[in-house]
Amino acid sequence: MSLLVVFTTVASRDEARRMARALVERRLAACAEISEVESFYAWKGAVHDEAEWRIAFKTTAAQYAAVEAAIRELHRYELPAIHAEAAVRAFAPYAAWVEQGSSGS
């Protein structure tokens, strides 16, 4: 089994909460963690400094495409940041819980 943490950022806590709840309810992710971040980025010729909310979805590699599609469906940004990091190691009972909670069914 290959565990992933899929990340995205959104503009508000409410949007983060809606997206987190939707993916967990759809069983695309076993868990979603939300944290406030400050982002500096270049966009359309200007440098921006914005408060954003990062969502970390705990899922499996098998669910990546479905997670990405759901984030794109629910996201309001023109170009949302969506990227994943592999969990190199995980406590076996936790990994099994993530796999079960990310079954998509």
C-alpha atoms as a PDB file:
ATOM      1  CA  MET A   1       0.000   0.000   0.000  1.00  0.00           C
ATOM      2  CA  SER A   2       1.236   3.484  -0.819  1.00  0.00           C
ATOM      3  CA  LEU A   3       0.044   6.336   1.396  1.00  0.00           C
ATOM      4  CA  LEU A   4      -0.037   9.922   0.176  1.00  0.00           C
ATOM      5  CA  VAL A   5      -0.652  13.292   1.698  1.00  0.00           C
ATOM      6  CA  VAL A   6      -2.261  15.503  -0.948  1.00  0.00           C
ATOM      7  CA  PHE A   7      -2.017  19.254  -0.370  1.00  0.00           C
ATOM      8  CA  THR A   8      -3.943  22.240  -1.632  1.00  0.00           C
ATOM      9  CA  THR A   9      -4.489  25.797  -0.435  1.00  0.00           C
ATOM     10  CA  VAL A  10      -7.706  27.825  -0.437  1.00  0.00           C
ATOM     11  CA  ALA A  11      -8.654  31.412   0.381  1.00  0.00           C
ATOM     12  CA  SER A  12     -10.828  30.922   3.470  1.00  0.00           C
ATOM     13  CA  ARG A  13     -11.346  28.671   6.472  1.00  0.00           C
ATOM     14  CA  ASP A  14     -14.950  28.024   5.378  1.00  0.00           C
ATOM     15  CA  GLU A  15     -13.811  26.880   1.942  1.00  0.00           C
ATOM     16  CA  ALA A  16     -11.170  24.641   3.539  1.00  0.00           C
ATOM     17  CA  ARG A  17     -13.724  23.105   5.872  1.00  0.00           C
ATOM     18  CA  ARG A  18     -16.219  22.464   3.042  1.00  0.00           C
ATOM     19  CA  MET A  19     -13.580  20.828   0.862  1.00  0.00           C
ATOM     20  CA  ALA A  20     -12.163  18.744   3.727  1.00  0.00           C
ATOM     21  CA  ARG A  21     -15.610  17.506   4.730  1.00  0.00           C
ATOM     22  CA  ALA A  22     -16.567  16.704   1.121  1.00  0.00           C
ATOM     23  CA  LEU A  23     -13.513  14.537   0.434  1.00  0.00           C
ATOM     24  CA  VAL A  24     -13.787  12.684   3.742  1.00  0.00           C
ATOM     25  CA  GLU A  25     -17.537  12.122   3.214  1.00  0.00           C
ATOM     26  CA  ARG A  26     -16.820  10.791  -0.285  1.00  0.00           C
ATOM     27  CA  ARG A  27     -14.233   8.466   1.310  1.00  0.00           C
ATOM     28  CA  LEU A  28     -11.513   9.814  -0.960  1.00  0.00           C
ATOM     29  CA  ALA A  29      -9.454  10.697   2.108  1.00  0.00           C
ATOM     30  CA  ALA A  30      -9.495   9.200   5.579  1.00  0.00           C
ATOM     31  CA  CYS A  31      -8.598  12.522   7.161  1.00  0.00           C
ATOM     32  CA  ALA A  32      -8.051  16.160   6.258  1.00  0.00           C
ATOM     33  CA  GLU A  33      -6.000  18.576   8.335  1.00  0.00           C
ATOM     34  CA  ILE A  34      -6.413  22.334   7.955  1.00  0.00           C
ATOM     35  CA  SER A  35      -3.815  24.943   8.898  1.00  0.00           C
ATOM     36  CA  GLU A  36      -3.456  28.657   8.277  1.00  0.00           C
ATOM     37  CA  VAL A  37      -0.443  29.702   6.197  1.00  0.00           C
ATOM     38  CA  GLU A  38       0.920  32.882   4.671  1.00  0.00           C
ATOM     39  CA  SER A  39       1.690  32.554   0.972  1.00  0.00           C
ATOM     40  CA  PHE A  40       3.925  34.713  -1.213  1.00  0.00           C
ATOM     41  CA  TYR A  41       3.551  34.011  -4.913  1.00  0.00           C
ATOM     42  CA  ALA A  42       3.950  35.593  -8.331  1.00  0.00           C
ATOM     43  CA  TRP A  43       0.737  35.694 -10.336  1.00  0.00           C
ATOM     44  CA  LYS A  44      -0.073  37.635 -13.515  1.00  0.00           C
ATOM     45  CA  GLY A  45       2.905  39.967 -13.202  1.00  0.00           C
ATOM     46  CA  ALA A  46       2.558  40.840  -9.518  1.00  0.00           C
ATOM     47  CA  VAL A  47       3.844  39.430  -6.250  1.00  0.00           C
ATOM     48  CA  HIS A  48       1.076  38.625  -3.787  1.00  0.00           C
ATOM     49  CA  ASP A  49       1.159  38.111  -0.017  1.00  0.00           C
ATOM     50  CA  GLU A  50      -2.021  36.383   1.148  1.00  0.00           C
ATOM     51  CA  ALA A  51      -3.343  34.435   4.095  1.00  0.00           C
ATOM     52  CA  GLU A  52      -4.461  31.022   2.908  1.00  0.00           C
ATOM     53  CA  TRP A  53      -5.598  27.750   4.407  1.00  0.00           C
ATOM     54  CA  ARG A  54      -3.648  24.584   3.608  1.00  0.00           C
ATOM     55  CA  ILE A  55      -5.496  21.279   3.534  1.00  0.00           C
ATOM     56  CA  ALA A  56      -3.553  18.027   3.892  1.00  0.00           C
ATOM     57  CA  PHE A  57      -5.608  15.032   2.752  1.00  0.00           C
ATOM     58  CA  LYS A  58      -4.473  11.593   4.002  1.00  0.00           C
ATOM     59  CA  THR A  59      -5.196   9.100   1.239  1.00  0.00           C
ATOM     60  CA  THR A  60      -3.651   6.374  -0.929  1.00  0.00           C
ATOM     61  CA  ALA A  61      -1.795   6.543  -4.215  1.00  0.00           C
ATOM     62  CA  ALA A  62      -4.657   4.625  -5.819  1.00  0.00           C
ATOM     63  CA  GLN A  63      -7.025   7.489  -4.978  1.00  0.00           C
ATOM     64  CA  TYR A  64      -4.817  10.352  -6.199  1.00  0.00           C
ATOM     65  CA  ALA A  65      -6.664  10.925  -9.491  1.00  0.00           C
ATOM     66  CA  ALA A  66     -10.061  10.979  -7.742  1.00  0.00           C
ATOM     67  CA  VAL A  67      -8.758  13.311  -5.015  1.00  0.00           C
ATOM     68  CA  GLU A  68      -7.292  15.672  -7.602  1.00  0.00           C
ATOM     69  CA  ALA A  69     -10.544  15.665  -9.591  1.00  0.00           C
ATOM     70  CA  ALA A  70     -12.601  16.417  -6.467  1.00  0.00           C
ATOM     71  CA  ILE A  71     -10.290  19.271  -5.450  1.00  0.00           C
ATOM     72  CA  ARG A  72     -10.509  20.740  -8.964  1.00  0.00           C
ATOM     73  CA  GLU A  73     -14.307  20.416  -8.899  1.00  0.00           C
ATOM     74  CA  LEU A  74     -14.608  22.214  -5.554  1.00  0.00           C
ATOM     75  CA  HIS A  75     -11.800  24.766  -5.903  1.00  0.00           C
ATOM     76  CA  ARG A  76     -12.438  28.376  -6.879  1.00  0.00           C
ATOM     77  CA  TYR A  77      -8.849  29.252  -7.889  1.00  0.00           C
ATOM     78  CA  GLU A  78      -8.041  29.471 -11.589  1.00  0.00           C
ATOM     79  CA  LEU A  79      -4.868  27.444 -10.981  1.00  0.00           C
ATOM     80  CA  PRO A  80      -5.093  25.558  -7.690  1.00  0.00           C
ATOM     81  CA  ALA A  81      -1.943  24.167  -6.107  1.00  0.00           C
ATOM     82  CA  ILE A  82      -2.432  20.416  -5.894  1.00  0.00           C
ATOM     83  CA  HIS A  83       0.537  18.218  -5.048  1.00  0.00           C
ATOM     84  CA  ALA A  84       1.274  15.085  -3.069  1.00  0.00           C
ATOM     85  CA  GLU A  85       4.006  13.667  -0.899  1.00  0.00           C
ATOM     86  CA  ALA A  86       4.470   9.967  -0.315  1.00  0.00           C
ATOM     87  CA  ALA A  87       4.533   8.672   3.225  1.00  0.00           C
ATOM     88  CA  VAL A  88       7.828   6.815   3.242  1.00  0.00           C
ATOM     89  CA  ARG A  89       6.953   5.006   6.461  1.00  0.00           C
ATOM     90  CA  ALA A  90       3.749   4.740   8.467  1.00  0.00           C
ATOM     91  CA  PHE A  91       2.581   3.000  11.620  1.00  0.00           C
ATOM     92  CA  ALA A  92       0.884  -0.125  10.184  1.00  0.00           C
ATOM     93  CA  PRO A  93      -2.476   0.201  12.023  1.00  0.00           C
ATOM     94  CA  TYR A  94      -2.685   3.877  10.990  1.00  0.00           C
ATOM     95  CA  ALA A  95      -1.840   3.011   7.378  1.00  0.00           C
ATOM     96  CA  ALA A  96      -4.598   0.393   7.373  1.00  0.00           C
ATOM     97  CA  TRP A  97      -7.047   2.990   8.750  1.00  0.00           C
ATOM     98  CA  VAL A  98      -6.093   5.451   5.971  1.00  0.00           C
ATOM     99  CA  GLU A  99      -6.516   2.749   3.330  1.00  0.00           C
ATOM    100  CA  GLN A 100      -9.939   1.779   4.711  1.00  0.00           C
ATOM    101  CA  GLY A 101     -11.082   5.408   4.991  1.00  0.00           C
ATOM    102  CA  SER A 102      -9.916   6.197   1.453  1.00  0.00           C
ATOM    103  CA  SER A 103     -11.695   3.326  -0.262  1.00  0.00           C
ATOM    104  CA  GLY A 104     -13.930   5.599  -2.304  1.00  0.00           C
ATOM    105  CA  SER A 105     -16.958   3.482  -1.480  1.00  0.00           C
END
